C-alpha cells in the first residue's frame, strides 16, 4: 500500500512542477510565451515579414497566426527587447484575408462579430505594420471598402514578399 501511495504522491509532485506559466510582457492576453533561464535568446531587434495565410483559430475564434505575431513580440519582450527595436510587417492574404474586415463588413459577410479586431489594434499599437493583399480581397469577394482603418492595402502579397525580402527582412510563414 505504501509504495502505491508514494507513487501517487510522486505523480502529483511531478505534474505540479511541470505546470507551464505563460507570460504576456508586452501584449496582455495574447501570444503567451514561456521564459527559460538557460535558453539561447535573441540579443537585438529584427526585421521580420510575416506571411499570414492561415485561417486556423483558437477556441475564442482568434486567428492563430495573429496570435503568433503577438507571441513573437512577447518573446522579444522577455529579453527586454521592446517593440521599438523590432520592425515587424504582416502581409495578410489567402484564407486569412477576412481578419482585416471592419465589424460592419465582417457582420455582413459572416453574420458574426470579427474576433480579431482587438488583437489587430494591439499589434498596430506595438508598431506592427499590417497590410492586406488587394488581389485576395477581390478574389474572396470582400472588396476594399471594408478594411479596418490603419491596415494598408497592398497591390499584392506576391509583390510585397519580394520587395521586403530584397530589403533584408526575414520571412515567417503563419
N, C-alpha and C. Protein backbone atom coordinates (compact mmCIF):
# COMPACT_ATOMS: atom_id res chain seq x y z
N UNK A 1 0.82 -1.20 0.00
CA UNK A 1 0.00 0.00 0.00
C UNK A 1 0.86 1.26 0.00
N UNK A 2 1.92 1.26 0.85
CA UNK A 2 2.78 2.44 0.93
C UNK A 2 3.44 2.77 -0.42
N UNK A 3 3.98 1.75 -1.14
CA UNK A 3 4.58 2.10 -2.44
C UNK A 3 3.57 2.71 -3.40
N UNK A 4 2.34 2.23 -3.38
CA UNK A 4 1.30 2.76 -4.26
C UNK A 4 1.00 4.21 -3.90
N UNK A 5 0.90 4.52 -2.60
CA UNK A 5 0.64 5.88 -2.13
C UNK A 5 1.80 6.80 -2.51
N UNK A 6 3.02 6.33 -2.37
CA UNK A 6 4.19 7.14 -2.74
C UNK A 6 4.20 7.42 -4.24
N UNK A 7 3.81 6.42 -5.03
CA UNK A 7 3.75 6.61 -6.47
C UNK A 7 2.74 7.68 -6.84
N UNK A 8 1.58 7.67 -6.20
CA UNK A 8 0.55 8.68 -6.45
C UNK A 8 1.05 10.07 -6.04
N UNK A 9 1.65 10.18 -4.87
CA UNK A 9 2.18 11.48 -4.41
C UNK A 9 3.28 11.98 -5.33
N UNK A 10 4.15 11.10 -5.80
CA UNK A 10 5.21 11.49 -6.72
C UNK A 10 4.60 12.02 -8.03
N UNK A 11 3.53 11.36 -8.50
CA UNK A 11 2.85 11.80 -9.71
C UNK A 11 2.28 13.20 -9.57
N UNK A 12 1.67 13.51 -8.42
CA UNK A 12 1.15 14.86 -8.19
C UNK A 12 2.27 15.87 -8.13
N UNK A 13 3.37 15.53 -7.47
CA UNK A 13 4.52 16.44 -7.37
C UNK A 13 5.10 16.71 -8.76
N UNK A 14 5.25 15.64 -9.54
CA UNK A 14 5.81 15.79 -10.88
C UNK A 14 4.92 16.64 -11.76
N UNK A 15 3.62 16.39 -11.73
CA UNK A 15 2.72 17.16 -12.59
C UNK A 15 2.63 18.61 -12.14
N UNK A 16 2.69 18.88 -10.84
CA UNK A 16 2.63 20.26 -10.34
C UNK A 16 3.89 21.02 -10.73
N UNK A 17 5.05 20.34 -10.69
CA UNK A 17 6.29 21.04 -11.05
C UNK A 17 6.38 21.27 -12.55
N UNK A 18 5.62 20.51 -13.34
CA UNK A 18 5.64 20.67 -14.78
C UNK A 18 4.62 21.66 -15.30
N UNK A 19 3.98 22.40 -14.41
CA UNK A 19 2.99 23.38 -14.84
C UNK A 19 3.68 24.45 -15.68
N UNK A 20 3.03 24.83 -16.75
CA UNK A 20 3.56 25.86 -17.63
C UNK A 20 2.86 27.17 -17.33
N UNK A 21 3.66 28.20 -17.13
CA UNK A 21 3.11 29.53 -16.89
C UNK A 21 3.43 30.40 -18.09
N UNK A 22 2.38 30.85 -18.76
CA UNK A 22 2.58 31.73 -19.89
C UNK A 22 2.68 33.17 -19.40
N UNK A 23 3.56 33.91 -20.05
CA UNK A 23 3.75 35.32 -19.72
C UNK A 23 3.31 36.17 -20.90
N UNK A 24 2.85 37.36 -20.56
CA UNK A 24 2.36 38.32 -21.55
C UNK A 24 3.00 39.68 -21.27
N UNK A 25 4.33 39.78 -21.43
CA UNK A 25 5.01 41.01 -21.01
C UNK A 25 4.69 42.25 -21.83
N UNK A 26 4.29 42.09 -23.07
CA UNK A 26 4.06 43.25 -23.92
C UNK A 26 2.62 43.35 -24.39
N UNK A 27 2.05 42.24 -24.84
CA UNK A 27 0.67 42.23 -25.33
C UNK A 27 -0.14 41.34 -24.40
N UNK A 28 -0.88 41.96 -23.53
CA UNK A 28 -1.64 41.25 -22.50
C UNK A 28 -2.78 40.43 -23.11
N UNK A 29 -2.85 39.16 -22.72
CA UNK A 29 -3.94 38.30 -23.13
C UNK A 29 -3.77 37.60 -24.47
N UNK A 30 -2.70 37.91 -25.18
CA UNK A 30 -2.46 37.29 -26.49
C UNK A 30 -0.99 36.88 -26.59
N UNK A 31 -0.75 35.79 -27.31
CA UNK A 31 0.64 35.39 -27.59
C UNK A 31 1.43 35.01 -26.37
N UNK A 32 0.84 34.22 -25.49
CA UNK A 32 1.54 33.79 -24.28
C UNK A 32 2.85 33.10 -24.61
N UNK A 33 3.88 33.40 -23.84
CA UNK A 33 5.22 32.84 -24.06
C UNK A 33 5.76 32.29 -22.74
N UNK A 34 6.62 31.30 -22.85
CA UNK A 34 7.25 30.68 -21.69
C UNK A 34 8.71 31.13 -21.65
N UNK A 35 9.14 31.60 -20.50
CA UNK A 35 10.52 32.04 -20.34
C UNK A 35 11.36 30.89 -19.80
N UNK A 36 12.60 30.79 -20.27
CA UNK A 36 13.54 29.78 -19.80
C UNK A 36 14.82 30.50 -19.41
N UNK A 37 15.33 30.21 -18.22
CA UNK A 37 16.54 30.89 -17.75
C UNK A 37 17.78 30.53 -18.54
N UNK A 38 17.85 29.31 -19.07
CA UNK A 38 19.07 28.84 -19.72
C UNK A 38 18.97 28.73 -21.22
N UNK A 39 17.92 29.25 -21.82
CA UNK A 39 17.74 29.13 -23.27
C UNK A 39 18.57 30.16 -24.03
N UNK A 40 18.93 29.83 -25.24
CA UNK A 40 19.58 30.80 -26.13
C UNK A 40 18.50 31.79 -26.53
N UNK A 41 18.79 33.06 -26.37
CA UNK A 41 17.78 34.10 -26.56
C UNK A 41 18.23 35.13 -27.58
N UNK A 42 17.27 35.86 -28.15
CA UNK A 42 17.66 36.94 -29.07
C UNK A 42 18.40 38.03 -28.30
N UNK A 43 19.29 38.70 -29.00
CA UNK A 43 20.07 39.76 -28.36
C UNK A 43 19.79 41.13 -28.93
N UNK A 44 19.05 41.20 -30.03
CA UNK A 44 18.72 42.50 -30.60
C UNK A 44 17.44 42.40 -31.41
N UNK A 45 17.00 43.52 -31.90
CA UNK A 45 15.79 43.56 -32.71
C UNK A 45 15.98 42.89 -34.05
N UNK A 46 14.92 42.84 -34.82
CA UNK A 46 14.98 42.15 -36.10
C UNK A 46 14.04 42.81 -37.09
N UNK A 47 14.27 42.51 -38.36
CA UNK A 47 13.37 42.91 -39.44
C UNK A 47 12.64 41.65 -39.88
N UNK A 48 11.33 41.60 -39.59
CA UNK A 48 10.56 40.38 -39.80
C UNK A 48 9.34 40.67 -40.68
N UNK A 49 9.16 39.85 -41.70
CA UNK A 49 7.98 39.91 -42.54
C UNK A 49 7.19 38.64 -42.29
N UNK A 50 5.96 38.79 -41.81
CA UNK A 50 5.10 37.64 -41.57
C UNK A 50 4.16 37.48 -42.76
N UNK A 51 4.23 36.31 -43.37
CA UNK A 51 3.35 35.94 -44.47
C UNK A 51 2.18 35.17 -43.87
N UNK A 52 1.07 35.88 -43.64
CA UNK A 52 -0.07 35.30 -42.92
C UNK A 52 -1.16 34.87 -43.89
N UNK A 53 -1.31 33.54 -44.03
CA UNK A 53 -2.35 32.99 -44.90
C UNK A 53 -3.29 32.07 -44.14
N UNK A 54 -2.86 31.58 -43.00
CA UNK A 54 -3.64 30.58 -42.28
C UNK A 54 -4.94 31.12 -41.71
N UNK A 55 -5.95 30.25 -41.68
CA UNK A 55 -7.25 30.66 -41.14
C UNK A 55 -7.62 29.88 -39.89
N UNK A 56 -6.70 29.06 -39.36
CA UNK A 56 -6.98 28.32 -38.13
C UNK A 56 -7.21 29.30 -36.99
N UNK A 57 -8.16 28.96 -36.12
CA UNK A 57 -8.48 29.83 -34.99
C UNK A 57 -8.40 29.05 -33.69
N UNK A 58 -8.28 29.79 -32.59
CA UNK A 58 -8.31 29.17 -31.27
C UNK A 58 -9.77 29.07 -30.81
N UNK A 59 -9.97 28.67 -29.56
CA UNK A 59 -11.33 28.48 -29.04
C UNK A 59 -12.15 29.76 -29.04
N UNK A 60 -11.51 30.91 -28.95
CA UNK A 60 -12.21 32.19 -28.96
C UNK A 60 -12.41 32.74 -30.36
N UNK A 61 -11.93 32.01 -31.37
CA UNK A 61 -12.08 32.45 -32.75
C UNK A 61 -10.96 33.35 -33.24
N UNK A 62 -9.91 33.53 -32.43
CA UNK A 62 -8.78 34.39 -32.80
C UNK A 62 -7.90 33.64 -33.80
N UNK A 63 -7.50 34.32 -34.86
CA UNK A 63 -6.61 33.74 -35.85
C UNK A 63 -5.29 33.35 -35.19
N UNK A 64 -4.90 32.09 -35.32
CA UNK A 64 -3.69 31.60 -34.67
C UNK A 64 -2.42 32.28 -35.18
N UNK A 65 -2.41 32.66 -36.45
CA UNK A 65 -1.25 33.37 -36.99
C UNK A 65 -1.07 34.74 -36.36
N UNK A 66 -2.19 35.47 -36.18
CA UNK A 66 -2.11 36.77 -35.50
C UNK A 66 -1.63 36.59 -34.06
N UNK A 67 -2.10 35.53 -33.40
CA UNK A 67 -1.65 35.26 -32.03
C UNK A 67 -0.15 34.96 -32.00
N UNK A 68 0.37 34.30 -33.04
CA UNK A 68 1.81 34.04 -33.12
C UNK A 68 2.60 35.35 -33.27
N UNK A 69 2.04 36.31 -33.98
CA UNK A 69 2.72 37.61 -34.09
C UNK A 69 2.80 38.25 -32.70
N UNK A 70 1.71 38.16 -31.93
CA UNK A 70 1.74 38.67 -30.55
C UNK A 70 2.76 37.92 -29.72
N UNK A 71 2.86 36.59 -29.91
CA UNK A 71 3.85 35.80 -29.18
C UNK A 71 5.26 36.23 -29.55
N UNK A 72 5.48 36.51 -30.82
CA UNK A 72 6.80 36.97 -31.27
C UNK A 72 7.21 38.23 -30.50
N UNK A 73 6.30 39.17 -30.38
CA UNK A 73 6.59 40.40 -29.64
C UNK A 73 6.82 40.10 -28.16
N UNK A 74 6.01 39.22 -27.59
CA UNK A 74 6.18 38.85 -26.18
C UNK A 74 7.49 38.10 -25.94
N UNK A 75 7.91 37.26 -26.88
CA UNK A 75 9.19 36.56 -26.74
C UNK A 75 10.36 37.53 -26.70
N UNK A 76 10.35 38.51 -27.59
CA UNK A 76 11.41 39.52 -27.56
C UNK A 76 11.33 40.33 -26.27
N UNK A 77 10.12 40.62 -25.80
CA UNK A 77 9.96 41.40 -24.58
C UNK A 77 10.50 40.64 -23.37
N UNK A 78 10.44 39.32 -23.38
CA UNK A 78 11.02 38.53 -22.28
C UNK A 78 12.52 38.81 -22.13
N UNK A 79 13.15 39.20 -23.22
CA UNK A 79 14.58 39.51 -23.21
C UNK A 79 14.84 41.02 -23.22
N UNK A 80 13.84 41.78 -22.80
CA UNK A 80 13.92 43.25 -22.73
C UNK A 80 14.20 43.92 -24.07
N UNK A 81 13.70 43.30 -25.13
CA UNK A 81 13.78 43.90 -26.46
C UNK A 81 12.37 44.37 -26.79
N UNK A 82 12.17 45.68 -26.72
CA UNK A 82 10.85 46.25 -26.90
C UNK A 82 10.45 46.36 -28.36
N UNK A 83 9.17 46.62 -28.59
CA UNK A 83 8.68 46.72 -29.97
C UNK A 83 9.34 47.85 -30.75
N UNK A 84 9.86 48.87 -30.07
CA UNK A 84 10.53 49.95 -30.77
C UNK A 84 11.84 49.48 -31.41
N UNK A 85 12.36 48.33 -30.97
CA UNK A 85 13.59 47.76 -31.54
C UNK A 85 13.31 46.73 -32.62
N UNK A 86 12.04 46.47 -32.87
CA UNK A 86 11.64 45.48 -33.87
C UNK A 86 11.00 46.17 -35.07
N UNK A 87 11.15 45.58 -36.21
CA UNK A 87 10.47 46.05 -37.42
C UNK A 87 9.68 44.86 -37.95
N UNK A 88 8.39 44.81 -37.58
CA UNK A 88 7.55 43.68 -37.96
C UNK A 88 6.48 44.16 -38.94
N UNK A 89 6.41 43.45 -40.07
CA UNK A 89 5.43 43.73 -41.10
C UNK A 89 4.64 42.45 -41.32
N UNK A 90 3.33 42.56 -41.41
CA UNK A 90 2.47 41.40 -41.68
C UNK A 90 1.74 41.65 -42.99
N UNK A 91 1.86 40.70 -43.92
CA UNK A 91 1.08 40.75 -45.16
C UNK A 91 0.04 39.62 -45.07
N UNK A 92 -1.21 40.00 -45.16
CA UNK A 92 -2.31 39.05 -44.99
C UNK A 92 -2.93 38.77 -46.35
N UNK A 93 -3.12 37.48 -46.64
CA UNK A 93 -3.77 37.07 -47.89
C UNK A 93 -4.30 35.66 -47.75
N UNK A 94 -4.87 35.14 -48.82
CA UNK A 94 -5.43 33.79 -48.78
C UNK A 94 -6.57 33.69 -47.79
N UNK A 95 -6.74 32.52 -47.17
CA UNK A 95 -7.86 32.31 -46.24
C UNK A 95 -7.87 33.26 -45.04
N UNK A 96 -6.73 33.85 -44.70
CA UNK A 96 -6.66 34.77 -43.55
C UNK A 96 -7.22 36.15 -43.86
N UNK A 97 -7.49 36.45 -45.10
CA UNK A 97 -7.88 37.80 -45.53
C UNK A 97 -9.01 38.39 -44.70
N UNK A 98 -9.95 37.59 -44.29
CA UNK A 98 -11.13 38.10 -43.58
C UNK A 98 -10.82 38.78 -42.25
N UNK A 99 -9.63 38.56 -41.68
CA UNK A 99 -9.32 39.15 -40.37
C UNK A 99 -9.26 40.67 -40.41
N UNK A 100 -9.07 41.25 -41.60
CA UNK A 100 -8.91 42.71 -41.70
C UNK A 100 -10.21 43.44 -41.97
N UNK A 101 -11.33 42.72 -41.96
CA UNK A 101 -12.61 43.36 -42.24
C UNK A 101 -13.13 44.12 -41.03
N UNK A 102 -13.72 45.29 -41.28
CA UNK A 102 -14.35 46.05 -40.21
C UNK A 102 -15.48 45.22 -39.61
N UNK A 103 -15.94 45.65 -38.46
CA UNK A 103 -17.05 44.96 -37.80
C UNK A 103 -18.26 44.87 -38.72
N UNK A 104 -18.58 45.96 -39.39
CA UNK A 104 -19.74 46.00 -40.27
C UNK A 104 -19.58 45.05 -41.46
N UNK A 105 -18.42 45.09 -42.11
CA UNK A 105 -18.18 44.24 -43.28
C UNK A 105 -18.16 42.76 -42.87
N UNK A 106 -17.56 42.48 -41.72
CA UNK A 106 -17.50 41.10 -41.23
C UNK A 106 -18.90 40.59 -40.91
N UNK A 107 -19.68 41.42 -40.23
CA UNK A 107 -21.05 41.06 -39.85
C UNK A 107 -21.88 40.78 -41.11
N UNK A 108 -21.73 41.61 -42.10
CA UNK A 108 -22.49 41.45 -43.34
C UNK A 108 -22.13 40.14 -44.04
N UNK A 109 -20.84 39.80 -44.04
CA UNK A 109 -20.38 38.62 -44.77
C UNK A 109 -20.58 37.32 -43.97
N UNK A 110 -20.34 37.37 -42.64
CA UNK A 110 -20.32 36.13 -41.85
C UNK A 110 -21.39 36.07 -40.75
N UNK A 111 -22.17 37.13 -40.61
CA UNK A 111 -23.23 37.22 -39.61
C UNK A 111 -22.73 36.95 -38.19
N UNK A 112 -21.55 37.46 -37.90
CA UNK A 112 -20.98 37.40 -36.55
C UNK A 112 -19.96 38.53 -36.41
N UNK A 113 -19.48 38.72 -35.21
CA UNK A 113 -18.50 39.78 -34.98
C UNK A 113 -17.11 39.31 -35.38
N UNK A 114 -16.26 40.25 -35.72
CA UNK A 114 -14.88 39.93 -36.09
C UNK A 114 -14.07 39.75 -34.81
N UNK A 115 -13.66 38.51 -34.50
CA UNK A 115 -12.95 38.25 -33.25
C UNK A 115 -11.51 38.77 -33.23
N UNK A 116 -11.00 39.19 -34.39
CA UNK A 116 -9.60 39.61 -34.49
C UNK A 116 -9.37 41.11 -34.37
N UNK A 117 -10.44 41.89 -34.28
CA UNK A 117 -10.29 43.35 -34.25
C UNK A 117 -9.42 43.84 -33.11
N UNK A 118 -9.67 43.35 -31.90
CA UNK A 118 -8.89 43.81 -30.75
C UNK A 118 -7.41 43.51 -30.93
N UNK A 119 -7.09 42.28 -31.32
CA UNK A 119 -5.68 41.89 -31.47
C UNK A 119 -5.00 42.70 -32.57
N UNK A 120 -5.68 42.93 -33.67
CA UNK A 120 -5.08 43.74 -34.74
C UNK A 120 -4.78 45.15 -34.21
N UNK A 121 -5.68 45.71 -33.43
CA UNK A 121 -5.43 47.02 -32.83
C UNK A 121 -4.24 47.01 -31.89
N UNK A 122 -4.12 45.96 -31.07
CA UNK A 122 -2.99 45.85 -30.15
C UNK A 122 -1.67 45.70 -30.90
N UNK A 123 -1.67 44.92 -31.96
CA UNK A 123 -0.46 44.76 -32.76
C UNK A 123 -0.05 46.08 -33.39
N UNK A 124 -1.01 46.79 -33.92
CA UNK A 124 -0.72 48.10 -34.52
C UNK A 124 -0.17 49.06 -33.46
N UNK A 125 -0.73 49.00 -32.23
CA UNK A 125 -0.23 49.85 -31.13
C UNK A 125 1.23 49.55 -30.80
N UNK A 126 1.68 48.33 -31.11
CA UNK A 126 3.07 47.93 -30.86
C UNK A 126 3.98 48.27 -32.04
N UNK A 127 3.43 48.92 -33.05
CA UNK A 127 4.24 49.33 -34.19
C UNK A 127 4.27 48.33 -35.34
N UNK A 128 3.45 47.29 -35.26
CA UNK A 128 3.40 46.31 -36.35
C UNK A 128 2.67 46.93 -37.54
N UNK A 129 3.30 46.85 -38.70
CA UNK A 129 2.67 47.34 -39.93
C UNK A 129 1.87 46.17 -40.51
N UNK A 130 0.59 46.41 -40.73
CA UNK A 130 -0.28 45.35 -41.24
C UNK A 130 -0.81 45.75 -42.61
N UNK A 131 -0.63 44.84 -43.57
CA UNK A 131 -1.10 45.06 -44.93
C UNK A 131 -1.97 43.88 -45.35
N UNK A 132 -2.86 44.15 -46.29
CA UNK A 132 -3.69 43.09 -46.86
C UNK A 132 -3.54 43.12 -48.38
N UNK A 133 -3.53 41.95 -48.95
CA UNK A 133 -3.41 41.80 -50.39
C UNK A 133 -4.70 42.22 -51.08
N UNK A 134 -4.62 43.20 -51.96
CA UNK A 134 -5.79 43.65 -52.70
C UNK A 134 -6.35 42.56 -53.60
N UNK A 135 -5.47 41.75 -54.16
CA UNK A 135 -5.92 40.66 -55.03
C UNK A 135 -6.76 39.66 -54.24
N UNK A 136 -6.33 39.35 -53.02
CA UNK A 136 -7.07 38.40 -52.18
C UNK A 136 -8.42 38.98 -51.77
N UNK A 137 -8.45 40.27 -51.47
CA UNK A 137 -9.73 40.90 -51.10
C UNK A 137 -10.76 40.74 -52.22
N UNK A 138 -10.33 41.03 -53.43
CA UNK A 138 -11.24 40.95 -54.57
C UNK A 138 -11.62 39.50 -54.86
N UNK A 139 -10.64 38.61 -54.88
CA UNK A 139 -10.91 37.21 -55.20
C UNK A 139 -11.81 36.54 -54.16
N UNK A 140 -11.78 37.02 -52.93
CA UNK A 140 -12.62 36.43 -51.88
C UNK A 140 -13.95 37.17 -51.73
N UNK A 141 -14.17 38.17 -52.58
CA UNK A 141 -15.45 38.86 -52.60
C UNK A 141 -15.66 39.86 -51.48
N UNK A 142 -14.56 40.40 -50.92
CA UNK A 142 -14.69 41.35 -49.82
C UNK A 142 -14.68 42.80 -50.28
N UNK A 143 -13.99 43.11 -51.35
CA UNK A 143 -13.85 44.50 -51.78
C UNK A 143 -12.88 45.24 -50.87
N UNK A 144 -12.54 46.45 -51.25
CA UNK A 144 -11.54 47.21 -50.49
C UNK A 144 -12.14 48.20 -49.50
N UNK A 145 -13.45 48.45 -49.60
CA UNK A 145 -14.06 49.47 -48.72
C UNK A 145 -14.29 48.98 -47.29
N UNK A 146 -14.19 47.68 -47.03
CA UNK A 146 -14.45 47.15 -45.70
C UNK A 146 -13.22 46.83 -44.88
N UNK A 147 -12.09 47.49 -45.20
CA UNK A 147 -10.83 47.23 -44.48
C UNK A 147 -10.78 48.08 -43.21
N UNK A 148 -10.27 47.49 -42.15
CA UNK A 148 -10.07 48.19 -40.88
C UNK A 148 -9.17 49.42 -41.13
N UNK A 149 -9.54 50.59 -40.60
CA UNK A 149 -8.66 51.76 -40.72
C UNK A 149 -7.28 51.45 -40.11
N UNK A 150 -6.25 51.85 -40.82
CA UNK A 150 -4.88 51.60 -40.35
C UNK A 150 -4.25 50.36 -40.95
N UNK A 151 -5.04 49.52 -41.59
CA UNK A 151 -4.50 48.38 -42.33
C UNK A 151 -4.29 48.87 -43.76
N UNK A 152 -3.08 48.70 -44.27
CA UNK A 152 -2.73 49.21 -45.59
C UNK A 152 -3.11 48.21 -46.69
N UNK A 153 -3.58 48.74 -47.78
CA UNK A 153 -3.92 47.94 -48.95
C UNK A 153 -2.67 47.79 -49.82
N UNK A 154 -2.26 46.54 -50.04
CA UNK A 154 -1.12 46.25 -50.92
C UNK A 154 -1.64 45.79 -52.27
N UNK A 155 -0.94 46.12 -53.32
CA UNK A 155 -1.31 45.63 -54.64
C UNK A 155 -1.45 44.12 -54.60
N UNK A 156 -0.44 43.46 -54.02
CA UNK A 156 -0.50 42.00 -53.91
C UNK A 156 0.47 41.53 -52.84
N UNK A 157 0.18 40.38 -52.26
CA UNK A 157 1.11 39.76 -51.32
C UNK A 157 2.37 39.31 -52.06
N UNK A 158 2.20 38.86 -53.28
CA UNK A 158 3.34 38.39 -54.06
C UNK A 158 4.41 39.46 -54.20
N UNK A 159 4.00 40.67 -54.54
CA UNK A 159 4.99 41.74 -54.73
C UNK A 159 5.55 42.22 -53.40
N UNK A 160 4.73 42.25 -52.36
CA UNK A 160 5.22 42.66 -51.04
C UNK A 160 6.29 41.69 -50.53
N UNK A 161 6.04 40.39 -50.71
CA UNK A 161 7.01 39.38 -50.26
C UNK A 161 8.36 39.58 -50.94
N UNK A 162 8.34 39.86 -52.22
CA UNK A 162 9.60 40.09 -52.96
C UNK A 162 10.27 41.36 -52.47
N UNK A 163 9.51 42.46 -52.40
CA UNK A 163 10.08 43.75 -52.01
C UNK A 163 10.75 43.70 -50.63
N UNK A 164 10.06 43.17 -49.64
CA UNK A 164 10.60 43.17 -48.28
C UNK A 164 11.77 42.20 -48.13
N UNK A 165 11.76 41.09 -48.85
CA UNK A 165 12.91 40.19 -48.79
C UNK A 165 14.14 40.86 -49.40
N UNK A 166 13.93 41.66 -50.45
CA UNK A 166 15.05 42.37 -51.05
C UNK A 166 15.62 43.42 -50.08
N UNK A 167 14.79 43.86 -49.13
CA UNK A 167 15.24 44.83 -48.12
C UNK A 167 15.83 44.15 -46.89
N UNK A 168 15.99 42.83 -46.94
CA UNK A 168 16.65 42.13 -45.85
C UNK A 168 15.76 41.61 -44.73
N UNK A 169 14.47 41.57 -44.94
CA UNK A 169 13.55 41.04 -43.93
C UNK A 169 13.59 39.53 -43.91
N UNK A 170 13.55 38.94 -42.73
CA UNK A 170 13.39 37.50 -42.59
C UNK A 170 11.90 37.20 -42.68
N UNK A 171 11.54 36.12 -43.38
CA UNK A 171 10.13 35.80 -43.59
C UNK A 171 9.73 34.64 -42.68
N UNK A 172 8.61 34.84 -41.99
CA UNK A 172 7.98 33.79 -41.20
C UNK A 172 6.64 33.50 -41.86
N UNK A 173 6.32 32.22 -41.97
CA UNK A 173 5.08 31.83 -42.63
C UNK A 173 4.09 31.31 -41.59
N UNK A 174 2.98 32.04 -41.44
CA UNK A 174 1.94 31.62 -40.48
C UNK A 174 0.68 31.34 -41.26
